[in-house]
Amino acid sequence: MNSREIWWSVGDGLQSFLGMFYDNIGNIFNYSCIVLGFIGLFYWLNLQRKFNLEEFKDKGKN
C-alpha cells in the first residue's frame, strides 16, 4: 500500500461523507443565505434612512 492509495481512499471517504451531508441538507443553506442577505439589506437601508433624516434635520438648522 503506497501513499497514492491512502490519499485516494481518504478522498473517496470524504466524497461519500460530503455527498450524504449535502443530500440531507438540500437547498436549505442556499435559501438561508438569501434570506440573511435580504435581512442585512433591509437593516442597512433602515440605518441609511435614519442617517439621511438626521443629516437633513442638521442641514435645516444651519
PDB file of N, CA and C in Angstrom:
ATOM      1  N   MET A   1       0.851  -1.170   0.000  1.00  0.00           N
ATOM      2  CA  MET A   1       0.000   0.000   0.000  1.00  0.00           C
ATOM      3  C   MET A   1       0.898   1.235   0.000  1.00  0.00           C
ATOM      4  N   ASN A   2       0.756   2.035  -1.023  1.00  0.00           N
ATOM      5  CA  ASN A   2       1.569   3.242  -1.103  1.00  0.00           C
ATOM      6  C   ASN A   2       0.727   4.464  -0.733  1.00  0.00           C
ATOM      7  N   SER A   3       1.361   5.634  -0.754  1.00  0.00           N
ATOM      8  CA  SER A   3       0.668   6.853  -0.328  1.00  0.00           C
ATOM      9  C   SER A   3      -0.464   7.235  -1.292  1.00  0.00           C
ATOM     10  N   ARG A   4      -0.334   6.851  -2.552  1.00  0.00           N
ATOM     11  CA  ARG A   4      -1.388   7.177  -3.529  1.00  0.00           C
ATOM     12  C   ARG A   4      -2.690   6.483  -3.147  1.00  0.00           C
ATOM     13  N   GLU A   5      -2.617   5.238  -2.753  1.00  0.00           N
ATOM     14  CA  GLU A   5      -3.820   4.510  -2.355  1.00  0.00           C
ATOM     15  C   GLU A   5      -4.427   5.087  -1.081  1.00  0.00           C
ATOM     16  N   ILE A   6      -3.580   5.549  -0.180  1.00  0.00           N
ATOM     17  CA  ILE A   6      -4.081   6.142   1.058  1.00  0.00           C
ATOM     18  C   ILE A   6      -4.857   7.419   0.751  1.00  0.00           C
ATOM     19  N   TRP A   7      -4.267   8.279  -0.080  1.00  0.00           N
ATOM     20  CA  TRP A   7      -4.933   9.544  -0.398  1.00  0.00           C
ATOM     21  C   TRP A   7      -6.203   9.332  -1.214  1.00  0.00           C
ATOM     22  N   TRP A   8      -6.205   8.348  -2.096  1.00  0.00           N
ATOM     23  CA  TRP A   8      -7.421   8.051  -2.854  1.00  0.00           C
ATOM     24  C   TRP A   8      -8.523   7.543  -1.928  1.00  0.00           C
ATOM     25  N   SER A   9      -8.167   6.714  -0.944  1.00  0.00           N
ATOM     26  CA  SER A   9      -9.176   6.217  -0.012  1.00  0.00           C
ATOM     27  C   SER A   9      -9.696   7.348   0.888  1.00  0.00           C
ATOM     28  N   VAL A  10      -8.821   8.256   1.300  1.00  0.00           N
ATOM     29  CA  VAL A  10      -9.263   9.418   2.085  1.00  0.00           C
ATOM     30  C   VAL A  10     -10.214  10.276   1.242  1.00  0.00           C
ATOM     31  N   GLY A  11      -9.866  10.505  -0.013  1.00  0.00           N
ATOM     32  CA  GLY A  11     -10.723  11.292  -0.903  1.00  0.00           C
ATOM     33  C   GLY A  11     -12.064  10.630  -1.146  1.00  0.00           C
ATOM     34  N   ASP A  12     -12.060   9.314  -1.336  1.00  0.00           N
ATOM     35  CA  ASP A  12     -13.330   8.597  -1.531  1.00  0.00           C
ATOM     36  C   ASP A  12     -14.206   8.670  -0.289  1.00  0.00           C
ATOM     37  N   GLY A  13     -13.581   8.551   0.883  1.00  0.00           N
ATOM     38  CA  GLY A  13     -14.342   8.656   2.129  1.00  0.00           C
ATOM     39  C   GLY A  13     -14.940  10.040   2.313  1.00  0.00           C
ATOM     40  N   LEU A  14     -14.158  11.086   2.043  1.00  0.00           N
ATOM     41  CA  LEU A  14     -14.681  12.444   2.146  1.00  0.00           C
ATOM     42  C   LEU A  14     -15.792  12.694   1.136  1.00  0.00           C
ATOM     43  N   GLN A  15     -15.629  12.171  -0.059  1.00  0.00           N
ATOM     44  CA  GLN A  15     -16.643  12.373  -1.089  1.00  0.00           C
ATOM     45  C   GLN A  15     -17.957  11.703  -0.696  1.00  0.00           C
ATOM     46  N   SER A  16     -17.892  10.508  -0.146  1.00  0.00           N
ATOM     47  CA  SER A  16     -19.135   9.842   0.255  1.00  0.00           C
ATOM     48  C   SER A  16     -19.764  10.527   1.462  1.00  0.00           C
ATOM     49  N   PHE A  17     -18.937  10.978   2.411  1.00  0.00           N
ATOM     50  CA  PHE A  17     -19.467  11.687   3.584  1.00  0.00           C
ATOM     51  C   PHE A  17     -20.114  13.000   3.178  1.00  0.00           C
ATOM     52  N   LEU A  18     -19.421  13.800   2.381  1.00  0.00           N
ATOM     53  CA  LEU A  18     -19.974  15.085   1.965  1.00  0.00           C
ATOM     54  C   LEU A  18     -21.184  14.904   1.053  1.00  0.00           C
ATOM     55  N   GLY A  19     -21.194  13.831   0.275  1.00  0.00           N
ATOM     56  CA  GLY A  19     -22.358  13.552  -0.560  1.00  0.00           C
ATOM     57  C   GLY A  19     -23.598  13.308   0.276  1.00  0.00           C
ATOM     58  N   MET A  20     -23.455  12.518   1.341  1.00  0.00           N
ATOM     59  CA  MET A  20     -24.591  12.285   2.239  1.00  0.00           C
ATOM     60  C   MET A  20     -24.987  13.581   2.942  1.00  0.00           C
ATOM     61  N   PHE A  21     -24.010  14.371   3.344  1.00  0.00           N
ATOM     62  CA  PHE A  21     -24.262  15.637   4.042  1.00  0.00           C
ATOM     63  C   PHE A  21     -25.046  16.595   3.159  1.00  0.00           C
ATOM     64  N   TYR A  22     -24.614  16.767   1.916  1.00  0.00           N
ATOM     65  CA  TYR A  22     -25.281  17.692   1.008  1.00  0.00           C
ATOM     66  C   TYR A  22     -26.648  17.177   0.576  1.00  0.00           C
ATOM     67  N   ASP A  23     -26.801  15.873   0.440  1.00  0.00           N
ATOM     68  CA  ASP A  23     -28.103  15.327   0.072  1.00  0.00           C
ATOM     69  C   ASP A  23     -29.130  15.558   1.168  1.00  0.00           C
ATOM     70  N   ASN A  24     -28.709  15.494   2.426  1.00  0.00           N
ATOM     71  CA  ASN A  24     -29.637  15.699   3.534  1.00  0.00           C
ATOM     72  C   ASN A  24     -29.995  17.174   3.711  1.00  0.00           C
ATOM     73  N   ILE A  25     -29.058  18.068   3.443  1.00  0.00           N
ATOM     74  CA  ILE A  25     -29.318  19.497   3.616  1.00  0.00           C
ATOM     75  C   ILE A  25     -30.171  20.026   2.481  1.00  0.00           C
ATOM     76  N   GLY A  26     -29.886  19.652   1.274  1.00  0.00           N
ATOM     77  CA  GLY A  26     -30.630  20.169   0.128  1.00  0.00           C
ATOM     78  C   GLY A  26     -30.278  21.614  -0.137  1.00  0.00           C
ATOM     79  N   ASN A  27     -31.283  22.425  -0.347  1.00  0.00           N
ATOM     80  CA  ASN A  27     -31.059  23.835  -0.646  1.00  0.00           C
ATOM     81  C   ASN A  27     -31.293  24.732   0.561  1.00  0.00           C
ATOM     82  N   ILE A  28     -31.371  24.163   1.742  1.00  0.00           N
ATOM     83  CA  ILE A  28     -31.624  24.963   2.937  1.00  0.00           C
ATOM     84  C   ILE A  28     -30.526  25.995   3.148  1.00  0.00           C
ATOM     85  N   PHE A  29     -29.284  25.611   2.929  1.00  0.00           N
ATOM     86  CA  PHE A  29     -28.173  26.550   3.109  1.00  0.00           C
ATOM     87  C   PHE A  29     -28.279  27.702   2.116  1.00  0.00           C
ATOM     88  N   ASN A  30     -28.617  27.403   0.869  1.00  0.00           N
ATOM     89  CA  ASN A  30     -28.751  28.462  -0.137  1.00  0.00           C
ATOM     90  C   ASN A  30     -29.884  29.405   0.218  1.00  0.00           C
ATOM     91  N   TYR A  31     -31.011  28.849   0.611  1.00  0.00           N
ATOM     92  CA  TYR A  31     -32.158  29.688   0.973  1.00  0.00           C
ATOM     93  C   TYR A  31     -31.845  30.545   2.195  1.00  0.00           C
ATOM     94  N   SER A  32     -31.144  29.977   3.167  1.00  0.00           N
ATOM     95  CA  SER A  32     -30.823  30.757   4.364  1.00  0.00           C
ATOM     96  C   SER A  32     -29.850  31.888   4.035  1.00  0.00           C
ATOM     97  N   CYS A  33     -28.917  31.671   3.119  1.00  0.00           N
ATOM     98  CA  CYS A  33     -28.014  32.756   2.704  1.00  0.00           C
ATOM     99  C   CYS A  33     -28.787  33.873   2.017  1.00  0.00           C
ATOM    100  N   ILE A  34     -29.742  33.535   1.190  1.00  0.00           N
ATOM    101  CA  ILE A  34     -30.556  34.542   0.511  1.00  0.00           C
ATOM    102  C   ILE A  34     -31.385  35.326   1.522  1.00  0.00           C
ATOM    103  N   VAL A  35     -32.014  34.635   2.462  1.00  0.00           N
ATOM    104  CA  VAL A  35     -32.839  35.305   3.467  1.00  0.00           C
ATOM    105  C   VAL A  35     -31.978  36.216   4.346  1.00  0.00           C
ATOM    106  N   LEU A  36     -30.832  35.727   4.792  1.00  0.00           N
ATOM    107  CA  LEU A  36     -29.954  36.557   5.616  1.00  0.00           C
ATOM    108  C   LEU A  36     -29.430  37.759   4.837  1.00  0.00           C
ATOM    109  N   GLY A  37     -29.191  37.595   3.558  1.00  0.00           N
ATOM    110  CA  GLY A  37     -28.764  38.717   2.734  1.00  0.00           C
ATOM    111  C   GLY A  37     -29.826  39.794   2.645  1.00  0.00           C
ATOM    112  N   PHE A  38     -31.081  39.394   2.473  1.00  0.00           N
ATOM    113  CA  PHE A  38     -32.166  40.378   2.421  1.00  0.00           C
ATOM    114  C   PHE A  38     -32.386  41.046   3.777  1.00  0.00           C
ATOM    115  N   ILE A  39     -32.261  40.283   4.860  1.00  0.00           N
ATOM    116  CA  ILE A  39     -32.383  40.878   6.191  1.00  0.00           C
ATOM    117  C   ILE A  39     -31.294  41.927   6.395  1.00  0.00           C
ATOM    118  N   GLY A  40     -30.071  41.596   6.016  1.00  0.00           N
ATOM    119  CA  GLY A  40     -28.976  42.562   6.120  1.00  0.00           C
ATOM    120  C   GLY A  40     -29.197  43.778   5.241  1.00  0.00           C
ATOM    121  N   LEU A  41     -29.738  43.583   4.042  1.00  0.00           N
ATOM    122  CA  LEU A  41     -30.018  44.701   3.139  1.00  0.00           C
ATOM    123  C   LEU A  41     -31.049  45.639   3.751  1.00  0.00           C
ATOM    124  N   PHE A  42     -32.147  45.088   4.281  1.00  0.00           N
ATOM    125  CA  PHE A  42     -33.185  45.921   4.870  1.00  0.00           C
ATOM    126  C   PHE A  42     -32.690  46.628   6.129  1.00  0.00           C
ATOM    127  N   TYR A  43     -31.852  45.973   6.904  1.00  0.00           N
ATOM    128  CA  TYR A  43     -31.260  46.611   8.086  1.00  0.00           C
ATOM    129  C   TYR A  43     -30.385  47.784   7.669  1.00  0.00           C
ATOM    130  N   TRP A  44     -29.547  47.578   6.669  1.00  0.00           N
ATOM    131  CA  TRP A  44     -28.661  48.637   6.191  1.00  0.00           C
ATOM    132  C   TRP A  44     -29.457  49.795   5.598  1.00  0.00           C
ATOM    133  N   LEU A  45     -30.503  49.495   4.823  1.00  0.00           N
ATOM    134  CA  LEU A  45     -31.326  50.549   4.247  1.00  0.00           C
ATOM    135  C   LEU A  45     -32.037  51.360   5.329  1.00  0.00           C
ATOM    136  N   ASN A  46     -32.478  50.705   6.392  1.00  0.00           N
ATOM    137  CA  ASN A  46     -33.115  51.411   7.503  1.00  0.00           C
ATOM    138  C   ASN A  46     -32.119  52.333   8.197  1.00  0.00           C
ATOM    139  N   LEU A  47     -30.900  51.852   8.424  1.00  0.00           N
ATOM    140  CA  LEU A  47     -29.878  52.710   9.030  1.00  0.00           C
ATOM    141  C   LEU A  47     -29.562  53.902   8.127  1.00  0.00           C
ATOM    142  N   GLN A  48     -29.467  53.667   6.842  1.00  0.00           N
ATOM    143  CA  GLN A  48     -29.169  54.736   5.904  1.00  0.00           C
ATOM    144  C   GLN A  48     -30.280  55.779   5.892  1.00  0.00           C
ATOM    145  N   ARG A  49     -31.526  55.337   5.992  1.00  0.00           N
ATOM    146  CA  ARG A  49     -32.655  56.261   6.049  1.00  0.00           C
ATOM    147  C   ARG A  49     -32.575  57.131   7.290  1.00  0.00           C
ATOM    148  N   LYS A  50     -32.215  56.529   8.434  1.00  0.00           N
ATOM    149  CA  LYS A  50     -32.079  57.294   9.670  1.00  0.00           C
ATOM    150  C   LYS A  50     -30.954  58.313   9.569  1.00  0.00           C
ATOM    151  N   PHE A  51     -29.830  57.924   8.982  1.00  0.00           N
ATOM    152  CA  PHE A  51     -28.711  58.854   8.828  1.00  0.00           C
ATOM    153  C   PHE A  51     -29.074  59.998   7.886  1.00  0.00           C
ATOM    154  N   ASN A  52     -29.806  59.709   6.819  1.00  0.00           N
ATOM    155  CA  ASN A  52     -30.216  60.751   5.894  1.00  0.00           C
ATOM    156  C   ASN A  52     -31.184  61.731   6.551  1.00  0.00           C
ATOM    157  N   LEU A  53     -32.146  61.238   7.342  1.00  0.00           N
ATOM    158  CA  LEU A  53     -33.075  62.121   8.043  1.00  0.00           C
ATOM    159  C   LEU A  53     -32.339  63.007   9.036  1.00  0.00           C
ATOM    160  N   GLU A  54     -31.386  62.435   9.741  1.00  0.00           N
ATOM    161  CA  GLU A  54     -30.600  63.207  10.693  1.00  0.00           C
ATOM    162  C   GLU A  54     -29.793  64.296   9.982  1.00  0.00           C
ATOM    163  N   GLU A  55     -29.233  63.986   8.843  1.00  0.00           N
ATOM    164  CA  GLU A  55     -28.445  64.950   8.090  1.00  0.00           C
ATOM    165  C   GLU A  55     -29.334  66.094   7.571  1.00  0.00           C
ATOM    166  N   PHE A  56     -30.521  65.764   7.098  1.00  0.00           N
ATOM    167  CA  PHE A  56     -31.424  66.805   6.604  1.00  0.00           C
ATOM    168  C   PHE A  56     -31.885  67.716   7.739  1.00  0.00           C
ATOM    169  N   LYS A  57     -32.108  67.151   8.930  1.00  0.00           N
ATOM    170  CA  LYS A  57     -32.501  67.967  10.078  1.00  0.00           C
ATOM    171  C   LYS A  57     -31.367  68.899  10.487  1.00  0.00           C
ATOM    172  N   ASP A  58     -30.149  68.389  10.504  1.00  0.00           N
ATOM    173  CA  ASP A  58     -28.987  69.212  10.863  1.00  0.00           C
ATOM    174  C   ASP A  58     -28.734  70.285   9.820  1.00  0.00           C
ATOM    175  N   LYS A  59     -28.963  69.978   8.564  1.00  0.00           N
ATOM    176  CA  LYS A  59     -28.744  70.929   7.487  1.00  0.00           C
ATOM    177  C   LYS A  59     -29.755  72.070   7.569  1.00  0.00           C
ATOM    178  N   GLY A  60     -30.968  71.774   7.989  1.00  0.00           N
ATOM    179  CA  GLY A  60     -32.000  72.798   8.081  1.00  0.00           C
ATOM    180  C   GLY A  60     -31.762  73.760   9.239  1.00  0.00           C
ATOM    181  N   LYS A  61     -31.036  73.343  10.265  1.00  0.00           N
ATOM    182  CA  LYS A  61     -30.772  74.201  11.440  1.00  0.00           C
ATOM    183  C   LYS A  61     -29.728  75.264  11.139  1.00  0.00           C
ATOM    184  N   ASN A  62     -28.860  75.024  10.183  1.00  0.00           N
ATOM    185  CA  ASN A  62     -27.776  75.979   9.903  1.00  0.00           C
ATOM    186  C   ASN A  62     -28.243  77.107   9.082  1.00  0.00           C
TER     187      ASN A  62
END
